[in-house]
């Protein structure tokens, strides 16, 4: 979460607020204004407005948020004049500022605008440096252009003072002027107070739901039955053994479990009155190779309806897709399948003797050695899977223990990072060509992802905020060497796939990962963990 400098935010927000027309001199005109705070004036950082899904330039810092004042306050402007500001807390860790600018500042910005125009434009009949009468200059530039530039100058001049109370809490790219520019135009006058509203998101507060916060944490970790080294090792040995078998054509009997069969599959939905519905293209396939010993992904009842089928035979049978089916559009759908058996094979497997060991696993001399080495690898996989399940269970529990009013800017940032990581993974797996990547990188695609994944993004943000709070509270640390190494690895990955990247952003993301690792390590030592097989 990158915290914004209010001067830079003011410049970006003020410029964005003004609709530059085709005949409008700005942005060529740059109005210089005096900043109330030297620290604000000296900053040269500008906010990134990129909406790229693969990069983000906000730095995460989890800071406590002070309650916003609802009483008016005076914010000193250049020359000792005051800008009157009223702060009002808003949902989503946002603060609204209602700003009133005195006429003295309006006049100052107006004169500076005219001076800047006089420097940049050559008015016929006036030599460079010669004073141009105000009415002639305004008529030459255009009254509306002068007014627009003056309003922009006022915004740039007063926004830093208006936002000074959240100087160290404002989130980058979150400053937004609420008052429409047309409304500013219609109400603008040199002789009356200028008013506008602006809002900014601030670093959210983490509120723990229990008094002991994360202390005495109890976590139940559910381990899938598939995560079993002994069973996985036996399955892997069988897979390798099967790969060494010979396939024989079967012509004198029907399909049995252990056979392989080639099928043409057709499917139609069944209407509520029993009549034929539409074709289900996603459930159809020609030349489908089915290993009857690996049938976990089949619709329940499909394989059982095929037992005994012979080459050249056609069978038709109804099946209802389960409500838990992966493809949402087919959940609960009744379908009529028509299946043609094209070819049928059985395997002839070699005897599992020591002479086969080297073929099952190169470098082994006995079947016992093969079993031992496969089991050793499977135990490593099991350990990693259990560690990952433990981390996920702890993070899930942390997310349930906190309440956070998530700012819009933080939600957008995290969602874009997740989407960018998803695209990078797809590209790494060579599942996207350039045109597909360009299409999926569009703002429309990013926004659709943010809407579809709102619940998941919110959950992850709550987990991250909880982790950051624990890291700070427990004074945990990681080494500089770890940080440098991980940053280098991440940069190398971006370069490998020719992806644009921001090294500062990568560094912050690596810091987040290292913080999370330290917090998880600490929690595993200081909480109760129960493992349950499912």
Protein backbone atom coordinates (compact mmCIF):
# COMPACT_ATOMS: atom_id res chain seq x y z
CA UNK A 1 0.00 0.00 0.00
CA UNK A 2 1.77 3.11 -1.26
CA UNK A 3 1.24 6.26 0.79
CA UNK A 4 0.86 9.36 -1.33
CA UNK A 5 2.63 12.69 -0.95
CA UNK A 6 -0.18 15.21 -0.83
CA UNK A 7 1.60 17.75 -3.04
CA UNK A 8 2.05 15.21 -5.80
CA UNK A 9 -1.49 14.00 -5.25
CA UNK A 10 -2.74 17.58 -5.56
CA UNK A 11 -1.01 18.09 -8.88
CA UNK A 12 -2.37 14.85 -10.28
CA UNK A 13 -5.90 15.36 -8.97
CA UNK A 14 -6.11 18.99 -10.04
CA UNK A 15 -4.91 18.18 -13.55
CA UNK A 16 -7.31 15.24 -13.82
CA UNK A 17 -10.23 17.35 -12.65
CA UNK A 18 -9.95 19.77 -15.56
CA UNK A 19 -11.36 18.63 -18.93
CA UNK A 20 -8.79 19.93 -21.45
CA UNK A 21 -10.59 20.79 -24.70
CA UNK A 22 -9.10 20.83 -28.20
CA UNK A 23 -8.69 24.62 -28.07
CA UNK A 24 -7.52 24.85 -24.50
CA UNK A 25 -3.90 26.10 -24.08
CA UNK A 26 -3.08 23.82 -21.08
CA UNK A 27 -1.39 21.48 -20.52
CA UNK A 28 1.22 23.68 -22.25
CA UNK A 29 0.55 26.25 -19.51
CA UNK A 30 2.07 25.34 -16.19
CA UNK A 31 1.01 27.58 -13.34
CA UNK A 32 3.63 28.04 -10.64
CA UNK A 33 2.23 28.43 -7.14
CA UNK A 34 3.81 28.89 -3.73
CA UNK A 35 3.46 25.86 -1.48
CA UNK A 36 2.72 26.36 2.21
CA UNK A 37 5.10 23.63 3.30
CA UNK A 38 8.70 23.46 2.02
CA UNK A 39 8.60 19.67 2.38
CA UNK A 40 5.60 19.54 0.09
CA UNK A 41 7.10 21.95 -2.41
CA UNK A 42 10.37 20.06 -2.66
CA UNK A 43 8.85 16.73 -3.56
CA UNK A 44 9.17 15.69 -7.17
CA UNK A 45 7.35 12.38 -6.96
CA UNK A 46 4.25 12.11 -9.06
CA UNK A 47 1.52 9.54 -8.74
CA UNK A 48 1.32 6.69 -11.16
CA UNK A 49 -2.07 6.52 -12.88
CA UNK A 50 -1.40 3.32 -14.77
CA UNK A 51 -4.22 0.78 -14.72
CA UNK A 52 -1.99 -2.06 -15.85
CA UNK A 53 -3.01 -5.36 -14.31
CA UNK A 54 0.56 -6.64 -14.13
CA UNK A 55 2.18 -3.75 -12.26
CA UNK A 56 1.40 -1.56 -9.29
CA UNK A 57 3.51 1.11 -7.71
CA UNK A 58 1.93 1.43 -4.33
CA UNK A 59 3.96 0.50 -1.29
CA UNK A 60 2.16 -1.24 1.51
CA UNK A 61 2.58 0.26 4.96
CA UNK A 62 0.07 -0.69 7.58
CA UNK A 63 -0.34 2.35 9.82
CA UNK A 64 -2.92 3.13 12.50
CA UNK A 65 -5.54 5.60 11.33
CA UNK A 66 -6.49 8.54 13.47
CA UNK A 67 -10.16 9.44 13.57
CA UNK A 68 -10.98 12.22 11.11
CA UNK A 69 -12.21 15.47 12.62
CA UNK A 70 -15.68 16.69 11.78
CA UNK A 71 -15.10 20.24 13.03
CA UNK A 72 -13.74 22.86 10.61
CA UNK A 73 -10.03 23.63 10.81
CA UNK A 74 -7.85 26.34 9.36
CA UNK A 75 -5.09 25.33 6.92
CA UNK A 76 -2.52 28.05 6.36
CA UNK A 77 -1.84 28.98 2.74
CA UNK A 78 0.91 31.10 1.21
CA UNK A 79 0.92 34.67 2.48
CA UNK A 80 -0.67 33.77 5.83
CA UNK A 81 -4.20 33.34 4.47
CA UNK A 82 -6.21 30.34 5.56
CA UNK A 83 -8.11 27.71 3.70
CA UNK A 84 -11.09 26.51 5.72
CA UNK A 85 -11.43 22.73 5.73
CA UNK A 86 -14.11 20.47 7.19
CA UNK A 87 -13.25 16.77 7.45
CA UNK A 88 -15.91 14.05 7.43
CA UNK A 89 -15.19 10.30 7.74
CA UNK A 90 -16.61 8.20 4.91
CA UNK A 91 -17.12 4.45 4.40
CA UNK A 92 -14.20 2.50 2.96
CA UNK A 93 -11.51 4.18 5.13
CA UNK A 94 -12.07 7.39 3.19
CA UNK A 95 -12.13 11.00 4.35
CA UNK A 96 -14.11 13.78 2.68
CA UNK A 97 -12.72 17.34 2.81
CA UNK A 98 -15.01 20.31 2.18
CA UNK A 99 -12.70 23.18 1.23
CA UNK A 100 -13.39 26.92 1.28
CA UNK A 101 -10.77 29.10 -0.44
CA UNK A 102 -10.66 32.84 0.50
CA UNK A 103 -10.68 35.55 -2.15
CA UNK A 104 -7.07 36.53 -1.40
CA UNK A 105 -5.82 33.13 -2.61
CA UNK A 106 -8.20 33.22 -5.57
CA UNK A 107 -6.75 36.60 -6.62
CA UNK A 108 -3.18 35.34 -6.14
CA UNK A 109 -3.79 32.28 -8.36
CA UNK A 110 -5.55 34.46 -10.92
CA UNK A 111 -2.60 36.86 -11.18
CA UNK A 112 -0.09 33.99 -11.38
CA UNK A 113 -2.15 32.47 -14.18
CA UNK A 114 -2.09 35.72 -16.14
CA UNK A 115 1.66 36.07 -15.59
CA UNK A 116 2.24 32.57 -16.91
CA UNK A 117 0.10 33.21 -19.98
CA UNK A 118 1.95 36.48 -20.62
CA UNK A 119 5.28 34.62 -20.58
CA UNK A 120 4.17 31.86 -22.91
CA UNK A 121 2.07 33.64 -25.49
CA UNK A 122 3.14 36.31 -28.00
CA UNK A 123 0.39 38.88 -28.21
CA UNK A 124 0.58 40.94 -31.46
CA UNK A 125 1.86 44.47 -30.81
CA UNK A 126 3.69 43.60 -27.56
CA UNK A 127 7.38 42.80 -27.35
CA UNK A 128 8.55 39.98 -25.05
CA UNK A 129 8.75 41.24 -21.49
CA UNK A 130 6.42 44.18 -22.05
CA UNK A 131 3.40 44.37 -19.78
CA UNK A 132 0.20 43.35 -21.57
CA UNK A 133 -3.03 44.94 -20.34
CA UNK A 134 -5.15 42.42 -18.54
CA UNK A 135 -8.22 42.79 -20.76
CA UNK A 136 -6.18 42.36 -23.96
CA UNK A 137 -4.44 39.25 -22.63
CA UNK A 138 -7.75 37.69 -21.52
CA UNK A 139 -9.39 38.40 -24.85
CA UNK A 140 -6.41 36.94 -26.72
CA UNK A 141 -6.27 33.73 -24.64
CA UNK A 142 -10.00 33.47 -24.08
CA UNK A 143 -11.88 34.20 -20.83
CA UNK A 144 -12.93 30.58 -20.37
CA UNK A 145 -9.37 29.31 -20.71
CA UNK A 146 -8.15 31.83 -18.14
CA UNK A 147 -10.91 30.84 -15.73
CA UNK A 148 -10.18 27.11 -16.14
CA UNK A 149 -6.46 27.61 -15.61
CA UNK A 150 -7.16 29.74 -12.52
CA UNK A 151 -9.39 27.03 -11.04
CA UNK A 152 -6.69 24.42 -11.70
CA UNK A 153 -4.12 26.70 -10.03
CA UNK A 154 -6.38 27.10 -6.99
CA UNK A 155 -6.74 23.34 -6.68
CA UNK A 156 -2.99 22.77 -6.93
CA UNK A 157 -2.39 25.58 -4.46
CA UNK A 158 -4.89 24.50 -1.81
CA UNK A 159 -5.14 20.71 -1.99
CA UNK A 160 -1.87 20.08 -0.08
CA UNK A 161 -3.12 22.23 2.80
CA UNK A 162 -6.57 20.66 2.68
CA UNK A 163 -5.09 17.14 2.87
CA UNK A 164 -2.32 17.95 5.37
CA UNK A 165 -4.04 16.06 8.20
CA UNK A 166 -3.65 12.77 6.29
CA UNK A 167 -0.17 13.51 4.92
CA UNK A 168 1.23 10.21 6.25
CA UNK A 169 -1.90 8.12 5.83
CA UNK A 170 -3.25 8.91 2.35
CA UNK A 171 -3.08 6.06 -0.16
CA UNK A 172 -1.51 6.72 -3.53
CA UNK A 173 -3.87 7.22 -6.47
CA UNK A 174 -6.82 7.62 -4.10
CA UNK A 175 -7.21 11.44 -4.13
CA UNK A 176 -10.35 12.34 -6.07
CA UNK A 177 -12.08 15.70 -6.45
CA UNK A 178 -15.79 15.16 -5.88
CA UNK A 179 -17.02 18.49 -7.21
CA UNK A 180 -17.57 18.44 -10.96
CA UNK A 181 -15.44 20.89 -12.92
CA UNK A 182 -18.53 22.33 -14.61
CA UNK A 183 -19.95 23.12 -11.17
CA UNK A 184 -16.69 24.88 -10.27
CA UNK A 185 -16.93 26.93 -13.46
CA UNK A 186 -20.52 28.00 -12.83
CA UNK A 187 -19.86 29.06 -9.23
CA UNK A 188 -16.45 30.67 -9.79
CA UNK A 189 -15.95 34.37 -9.14
CA UNK A 190 -12.92 36.42 -8.15
CA UNK A 191 -14.85 38.18 -5.40
CA UNK A 192 -16.34 35.31 -3.42
CA UNK A 193 -15.20 32.20 -1.57
CA UNK A 194 -14.38 29.23 -3.84
CA UNK A 195 -15.71 25.87 -2.59
CA UNK A 196 -15.02 22.28 -3.58
CA UNK A 197 -15.08 18.78 -2.06
CA UNK A 198 -12.27 16.25 -2.27
CA UNK A 199 -11.91 12.74 -0.86
CA UNK A 200 -8.94 10.48 -0.18
CA UNK A 201 -8.53 6.91 1.01
CA UNK A 202 -6.33 6.37 4.06
CA UNK A 203 -4.47 3.39 5.48
CA UNK A 204 -7.13 1.18 7.08
CA UNK A 205 -7.30 0.29 10.74
CA UNK A 206 -7.14 -3.37 11.73
CA UNK A 207 -9.75 -4.15 14.38
CA UNK A 208 -9.36 -7.52 16.10
CA UNK A 209 -12.65 -9.13 17.12
CA UNK A 210 -11.32 -10.63 20.36
CA UNK A 211 -9.44 -9.03 23.23
CA UNK A 212 -6.49 -11.41 22.96
CA UNK A 213 -6.31 -10.72 19.21
CA UNK A 214 -4.26 -13.53 17.66
CA UNK A 215 -3.00 -14.93 20.97
CA UNK A 216 -4.11 -18.46 21.87
CA UNK A 217 -5.01 -19.08 18.24
CA UNK A 218 -6.47 -22.52 17.51
CA UNK A 219 -6.34 -23.81 13.95
CA UNK A 220 -7.79 -26.98 12.44
CA UNK A 221 -5.99 -28.12 9.29
CA UNK A 222 -7.92 -30.47 7.02
CA UNK A 223 -5.65 -32.76 5.01
CA UNK A 224 -7.10 -34.38 1.90
CA UNK A 225 -6.87 -38.16 1.70
CA UNK A 226 -4.96 -37.74 -1.55
CA UNK A 227 -2.14 -36.20 0.49
CA UNK A 228 -0.86 -39.57 1.71
CA UNK A 229 2.71 -40.54 0.87
CA UNK A 230 2.11 -44.31 1.18
CA UNK A 231 -0.91 -44.32 -1.14
CA UNK A 232 0.70 -41.87 -3.56
CA UNK A 233 3.86 -43.99 -3.75
CA UNK A 234 1.89 -47.15 -4.53
CA UNK A 235 -0.11 -45.32 -7.19
CA UNK A 236 3.04 -43.92 -8.77
CA UNK A 237 4.62 -47.40 -8.87
CA UNK A 238 1.51 -48.78 -10.58
CA UNK A 239 1.57 -45.93 -13.11
CA UNK A 240 5.19 -46.67 -14.01
CA UNK A 241 4.45 -50.40 -14.21
CA UNK A 242 1.47 -49.79 -16.54
CA UNK A 243 3.61 -47.59 -18.78
CA UNK A 244 5.85 -50.63 -19.47
CA UNK A 245 2.91 -52.84 -20.47
CA UNK A 246 1.88 -53.82 -23.99
CA UNK A 247 -1.54 -53.07 -25.38
CA UNK A 248 -3.47 -55.91 -26.98
CA UNK A 249 -6.60 -55.48 -29.10
CA UNK A 250 -9.69 -57.06 -27.51
CA UNK A 251 -12.28 -58.48 -29.90
CA UNK A 252 -13.85 -61.42 -28.03
CA UNK A 253 -15.34 -59.73 -24.94
CA UNK A 254 -16.76 -56.50 -23.60
CA UNK A 255 -15.18 -53.68 -21.59
CA UNK A 256 -13.78 -54.51 -18.16
CA UNK A 257 -12.14 -52.40 -15.47
CA UNK A 258 -8.36 -52.30 -16.26
CA UNK A 259 -9.05 -51.95 -20.01
CA UNK A 260 -8.44 -48.95 -22.26
CA UNK A 261 -11.15 -47.91 -24.68
CA UNK A 262 -11.53 -45.36 -27.48
CA UNK A 263 -14.97 -43.73 -27.59
CA UNK A 264 -17.05 -41.27 -29.58
CA UNK A 265 -19.29 -39.44 -27.09
CA UNK A 266 -22.43 -37.43 -27.88
CA UNK A 267 -24.74 -35.71 -25.40
CA UNK A 268 -28.09 -33.89 -25.39
CA UNK A 269 -29.95 -32.30 -22.51
CA UNK A 270 -33.29 -33.80 -21.42
CA UNK A 271 -36.15 -31.36 -20.98
CA UNK A 272 -38.46 -31.48 -17.96
CA UNK A 273 -41.14 -33.23 -20.06
CA UNK A 274 -38.66 -35.92 -21.14
CA UNK A 275 -38.14 -34.61 -24.65
CA UNK A 276 -34.74 -34.03 -26.23
CA UNK A 277 -33.12 -30.72 -25.55
CA UNK A 278 -30.06 -29.00 -26.93
CA UNK A 279 -26.73 -30.58 -27.76
CA UNK A 280 -24.16 -30.33 -24.92
CA UNK A 281 -20.99 -29.59 -26.86
CA UNK A 282 -18.73 -29.39 -23.80
CA UNK A 283 -19.62 -32.99 -22.89
CA UNK A 284 -18.95 -34.40 -26.37
CA UNK A 285 -15.75 -35.84 -27.76
CA UNK A 286 -14.57 -38.01 -30.65
CA UNK A 287 -11.67 -40.42 -30.29
CA UNK A 288 -11.78 -40.07 -26.50
CA UNK A 289 -9.21 -42.35 -24.80
CA UNK A 290 -10.48 -43.69 -21.48
CA UNK A 291 -8.33 -45.62 -19.01
CA UNK A 292 -10.86 -47.39 -16.84
CA UNK A 293 -8.46 -47.41 -13.87
CA UNK A 294 -8.25 -43.61 -13.92
CA UNK A 295 -11.88 -42.53 -13.82
CA UNK A 296 -12.00 -39.92 -11.04
CA UNK A 297 -12.92 -37.11 -13.44
CA UNK A 298 -15.88 -38.91 -15.02
CA UNK A 299 -19.51 -38.03 -14.34
CA UNK A 300 -20.85 -40.51 -11.76
CA UNK A 301 -22.54 -43.43 -13.50
CA UNK A 302 -20.82 -42.90 -16.86
CA UNK A 303 -18.26 -45.72 -16.59
CA UNK A 304 -20.76 -48.12 -15.03
CA UNK A 305 -23.07 -47.65 -18.03
CA UNK A 306 -20.26 -48.75 -20.36
CA UNK A 307 -19.13 -51.96 -18.67
CA UNK A 308 -19.46 -54.81 -21.19
CA UNK A 309 -19.62 -52.60 -24.28
CA UNK A 310 -17.92 -54.18 -27.31
CA UNK A 311 -16.04 -52.64 -30.26
CA UNK A 312 -18.55 -51.26 -32.79
CA UNK A 313 -21.39 -51.23 -30.25
CA UNK A 314 -23.44 -48.08 -29.50
CA UNK A 315 -25.07 -47.41 -26.14
CA UNK A 316 -27.44 -44.67 -25.06
CA UNK A 317 -28.21 -43.88 -21.42
CA UNK A 318 -29.39 -40.96 -19.24
CA UNK A 319 -27.19 -39.33 -16.59
CA UNK A 320 -27.74 -36.36 -14.30
CA UNK A 321 -24.78 -34.10 -13.65
CA UNK A 322 -24.14 -33.64 -9.91
CA UNK A 323 -24.78 -30.27 -8.27
CA UNK A 324 -21.08 -30.11 -7.41
CA UNK A 325 -19.98 -30.52 -11.05
CA UNK A 326 -17.06 -28.28 -12.01
CA UNK A 327 -18.82 -26.69 -14.99
CA UNK A 328 -21.47 -24.51 -13.39
CA UNK A 329 -23.81 -24.49 -16.40
CA UNK A 330 -24.17 -28.30 -16.24
CA UNK A 331 -24.87 -28.65 -12.53
CA UNK A 332 -28.06 -30.66 -12.01
CA UNK A 333 -28.64 -31.04 -15.77
CA UNK A 334 -30.19 -34.32 -17.00
CA UNK A 335 -28.51 -35.53 -20.18
CA UNK A 336 -28.86 -38.36 -22.68
CA UNK A 337 -25.46 -39.76 -23.65
CA UNK A 338 -24.86 -41.78 -26.81
CA UNK A 339 -21.49 -43.58 -26.85
CA UNK A 340 -19.86 -45.51 -29.69
CA UNK A 341 -17.08 -47.96 -28.80
CA UNK A 342 -14.42 -47.58 -31.49
CA UNK A 343 -11.56 -49.68 -30.10
CA UNK A 344 -10.89 -51.78 -27.01
CA UNK A 345 -7.51 -52.72 -25.53
CA UNK A 346 -6.15 -54.65 -22.59
CA UNK A 347 -2.71 -54.44 -21.04
CA UNK A 348 -0.16 -57.18 -20.72
CA UNK A 349 2.09 -56.18 -17.84
CA UNK A 350 5.57 -57.61 -17.20
CA UNK A 351 6.26 -59.41 -13.92
CA UNK A 352 7.30 -57.07 -11.09
CA UNK A 353 10.77 -58.61 -10.66
CA UNK A 354 14.13 -57.02 -9.87
CA UNK A 355 15.15 -57.16 -13.53
CA UNK A 356 12.44 -54.53 -14.17
CA UNK A 357 13.76 -52.11 -11.49
CA UNK A 358 16.00 -50.10 -13.83
CA UNK A 359 13.14 -49.55 -16.26
CA UNK A 360 10.76 -48.49 -13.51
CA UNK A 361 13.25 -45.98 -12.08
CA UNK A 362 16.67 -45.52 -13.67
CA UNK A 363 19.52 -46.19 -11.28
CA UNK A 364 17.66 -48.77 -9.20
CA UNK A 365 18.64 -52.45 -9.04
CA UNK A 366 15.78 -53.93 -7.02
CA UNK A 367 12.03 -53.42 -6.73
CA UNK A 368 12.55 -52.67 -3.03
CA UNK A 369 14.90 -49.83 -3.97
CA UNK A 370 12.34 -48.48 -6.44
CA UNK A 371 9.64 -48.48 -3.76
CA UNK A 372 11.93 -46.79 -1.26
CA UNK A 373 12.97 -43.98 -3.59
CA UNK A 374 9.44 -43.31 -4.84
CA UNK A 375 8.17 -43.25 -1.25
CA UNK A 376 10.92 -40.81 -0.30
CA UNK A 377 9.85 -38.41 -3.06
CA UNK A 378 6.19 -38.75 -2.13
CA UNK A 379 6.96 -37.95 1.50
CA UNK A 380 8.61 -34.73 0.37
CA UNK A 381 5.51 -33.84 -1.63
CA UNK A 382 3.29 -34.75 1.33
CA UNK A 383 5.32 -32.54 3.66
CA UNK A 384 5.06 -29.59 1.28
CA UNK A 385 1.32 -30.11 0.84
CA UNK A 386 0.75 -30.24 4.61
CA UNK A 387 2.85 -27.11 5.14
CA UNK A 388 0.83 -25.29 2.47
CA UNK A 389 -2.45 -26.48 3.96
CA UNK A 390 -1.28 -25.29 7.39
CA UNK A 391 -0.35 -21.85 6.07
CA UNK A 392 -3.70 -21.53 4.28
CA UNK A 393 -5.63 -22.59 7.39
CA UNK A 394 -3.78 -20.07 9.59
CA UNK A 395 -4.31 -17.24 7.09
CA UNK A 396 -7.97 -18.15 6.72
CA UNK A 397 -8.40 -18.04 10.49
CA UNK A 398 -6.62 -14.68 10.74
CA UNK A 399 -8.94 -13.19 8.13
CA UNK A 400 -11.93 -14.22 10.25
CA UNK A 401 -10.48 -12.56 13.37
CA UNK A 402 -10.29 -9.02 11.99
CA UNK A 403 -12.60 -6.35 10.68
CA UNK A 404 -11.29 -3.86 8.13
CA UNK A 405 -12.99 -1.04 6.28
CA UNK A 406 -11.14 -1.65 3.02
CA UNK A 407 -10.36 1.45 0.93
CA UNK A 408 -11.28 1.42 -2.74
CA UNK A 409 -7.67 2.18 -3.74
CA UNK A 410 -6.32 -0.77 -1.77
CA UNK A 411 -8.93 -3.12 -3.22
CA UNK A 412 -8.06 -2.01 -6.76
CA UNK A 413 -4.35 -2.40 -6.11
CA UNK A 414 -4.56 -5.89 -4.66
CA UNK A 415 -7.00 -7.05 -7.32
CA UNK A 416 -4.74 -5.80 -10.11
CA UNK A 417 -1.75 -7.55 -8.58
CA UNK A 418 -3.63 -10.84 -8.34
CA UNK A 419 -4.86 -10.51 -11.90
CA UNK A 420 -1.36 -9.67 -13.12
CA UNK A 421 0.05 -12.73 -11.37
CA UNK A 422 -2.63 -14.84 -13.04
CA UNK A 423 -1.74 -13.53 -16.50
CA UNK A 424 1.96 -14.07 -15.84
CA UNK A 425 1.29 -17.68 -14.87
CA UNK A 426 -0.79 -18.30 -17.99
CA UNK A 427 1.94 -16.80 -20.14
CA UNK A 428 4.58 -18.90 -18.40
CA UNK A 429 2.49 -21.99 -19.16
CA UNK A 430 2.31 -20.83 -22.80
CA UNK A 431 -1.49 -20.70 -22.67
CA UNK A 432 -1.69 -17.16 -24.08
CA UNK A 433 -0.56 -15.64 -27.35
CA UNK A 434 0.15 -11.90 -27.74
CA UNK A 435 -3.35 -11.04 -28.92
CA UNK A 436 -4.97 -12.92 -26.04
CA UNK A 437 -2.63 -11.27 -23.54
CA UNK A 438 -3.44 -7.82 -24.94
CA UNK A 439 -7.17 -8.52 -24.71
CA UNK A 440 -6.97 -9.80 -21.16
CA UNK A 441 -4.83 -6.82 -20.12
CA UNK A 442 -7.55 -4.34 -21.08
CA UNK A 443 -9.21 -2.22 -18.41
CA UNK A 444 -12.52 -3.94 -19.14
CA UNK A 445 -11.04 -7.38 -18.45
CA UNK A 446 -9.38 -6.15 -15.26
CA UNK A 447 -12.63 -4.60 -14.02
CA UNK A 448 -14.56 -7.79 -14.77
CA UNK A 449 -12.03 -9.74 -12.73
CA UNK A 450 -12.32 -7.31 -9.80
CA UNK A 451 -16.11 -7.72 -9.79
CA UNK A 452 -16.05 -11.51 -10.08
CA UNK A 453 -13.34 -11.96 -7.44
CA UNK A 454 -14.50 -9.30 -4.97
CA UNK A 455 -15.05 -11.76 -2.13
CA UNK A 456 -11.69 -13.47 -2.65
CA UNK A 457 -9.77 -10.18 -2.97
CA UNK A 458 -11.39 -8.85 0.20
CA UNK A 459 -10.45 -12.02 2.07
CA UNK A 460 -6.82 -11.78 0.97
CA UNK A 461 -6.58 -8.10 1.96
CA UNK A 462 -7.87 -8.86 5.45
CA UNK A 463 -5.30 -11.63 5.79
CA UNK A 464 -2.50 -9.34 4.62
CA UNK A 465 -3.50 -6.59 7.03
CA UNK A 466 -3.66 -9.04 9.91
CA UNK A 467 -0.21 -10.40 9.00
CA UNK A 468 1.23 -6.90 8.84
CA UNK A 469 -0.21 -6.02 12.23
CA UNK A 470 1.29 -9.14 13.83
CA UNK A 471 4.68 -8.55 12.16
CA UNK A 472 4.81 -5.06 13.66
CA UNK A 473 3.41 -5.99 17.07
CA UNK A 474 5.82 -8.88 17.58
CA UNK A 475 8.84 -6.95 16.23
CA UNK A 476 9.63 -9.67 13.70
CA UNK A 477 12.43 -9.21 11.17
CA UNK A 478 13.94 -10.78 8.06
CA UNK A 479 17.47 -10.46 6.71
CA UNK A 480 18.59 -8.03 4.03
CA UNK A 481 20.22 -10.97 2.22
CA UNK A 482 16.84 -12.71 1.93
CA UNK A 483 15.26 -9.59 0.50
CA UNK A 484 17.97 -9.02 -2.10
CA UNK A 485 17.94 -12.64 -3.23
CA UNK A 486 14.17 -12.84 -3.63
CA UNK A 487 14.01 -9.52 -5.49
CA UNK A 488 16.69 -10.73 -7.91
CA UNK A 489 14.77 -13.97 -8.50
CA UNK A 490 11.53 -12.08 -9.17
CA UNK A 491 13.18 -9.64 -11.58
CA UNK A 492 14.76 -12.56 -13.44
CA UNK A 493 11.32 -14.17 -13.84
CA UNK A 494 9.83 -10.97 -15.31
CA UNK A 495 12.74 -10.68 -17.72
CA UNK A 496 12.40 -14.31 -18.75
CA UNK A 497 8.86 -13.70 -20.00
CA UNK A 498 9.57 -10.18 -21.34
CA UNK A 499 7.17 -8.60 -18.85
CA UNK A 500 7.33 -4.96 -17.79
CA UNK A 501 8.04 -4.52 -14.09
CA UNK A 502 8.68 -1.89 -11.46
CA UNK A 503 11.57 -2.90 -9.19
CA UNK A 504 10.32 -0.83 -6.26
CA UNK A 505 6.99 -2.57 -6.52
CA UNK A 506 8.65 -5.98 -6.74
CA UNK A 507 10.71 -5.16 -3.67
CA UNK A 508 7.58 -4.27 -1.72
CA UNK A 509 5.80 -7.43 -2.79
CA UNK A 510 8.82 -9.49 -1.74
CA UNK A 511 8.80 -7.71 1.61
CA UNK A 512 5.15 -8.67 2.01
CA UNK A 513 5.96 -12.31 1.28
CA UNK A 514 8.89 -12.32 3.73
CA UNK A 515 6.74 -10.68 6.39
CA UNK A 516 4.05 -13.31 5.90
CA UNK A 517 6.63 -16.11 6.13
CA UNK A 518 7.95 -14.74 9.42
CA UNK A 519 4.47 -14.31 10.86
CA UNK A 520 3.43 -17.83 9.85
CA UNK A 521 6.60 -19.22 11.37
CA UNK A 522 5.90 -17.34 14.62
CA UNK A 523 2.25 -18.44 14.73
CA UNK A 524 3.12 -22.10 14.18
CA UNK A 525 5.28 -21.90 17.30
CA UNK A 526 2.71 -20.00 19.34
CA UNK A 527 -0.68 -21.44 18.41
CA UNK A 528 -2.48 -24.77 18.68
CA UNK A 529 -2.72 -26.71 15.41
CA UNK A 530 -4.86 -29.82 14.94
CA UNK A 531 -4.62 -31.95 11.79
CA UNK A 532 -7.69 -33.79 10.52
CA UNK A 533 -7.80 -36.19 7.56
CA UNK A 534 -10.79 -35.81 5.24
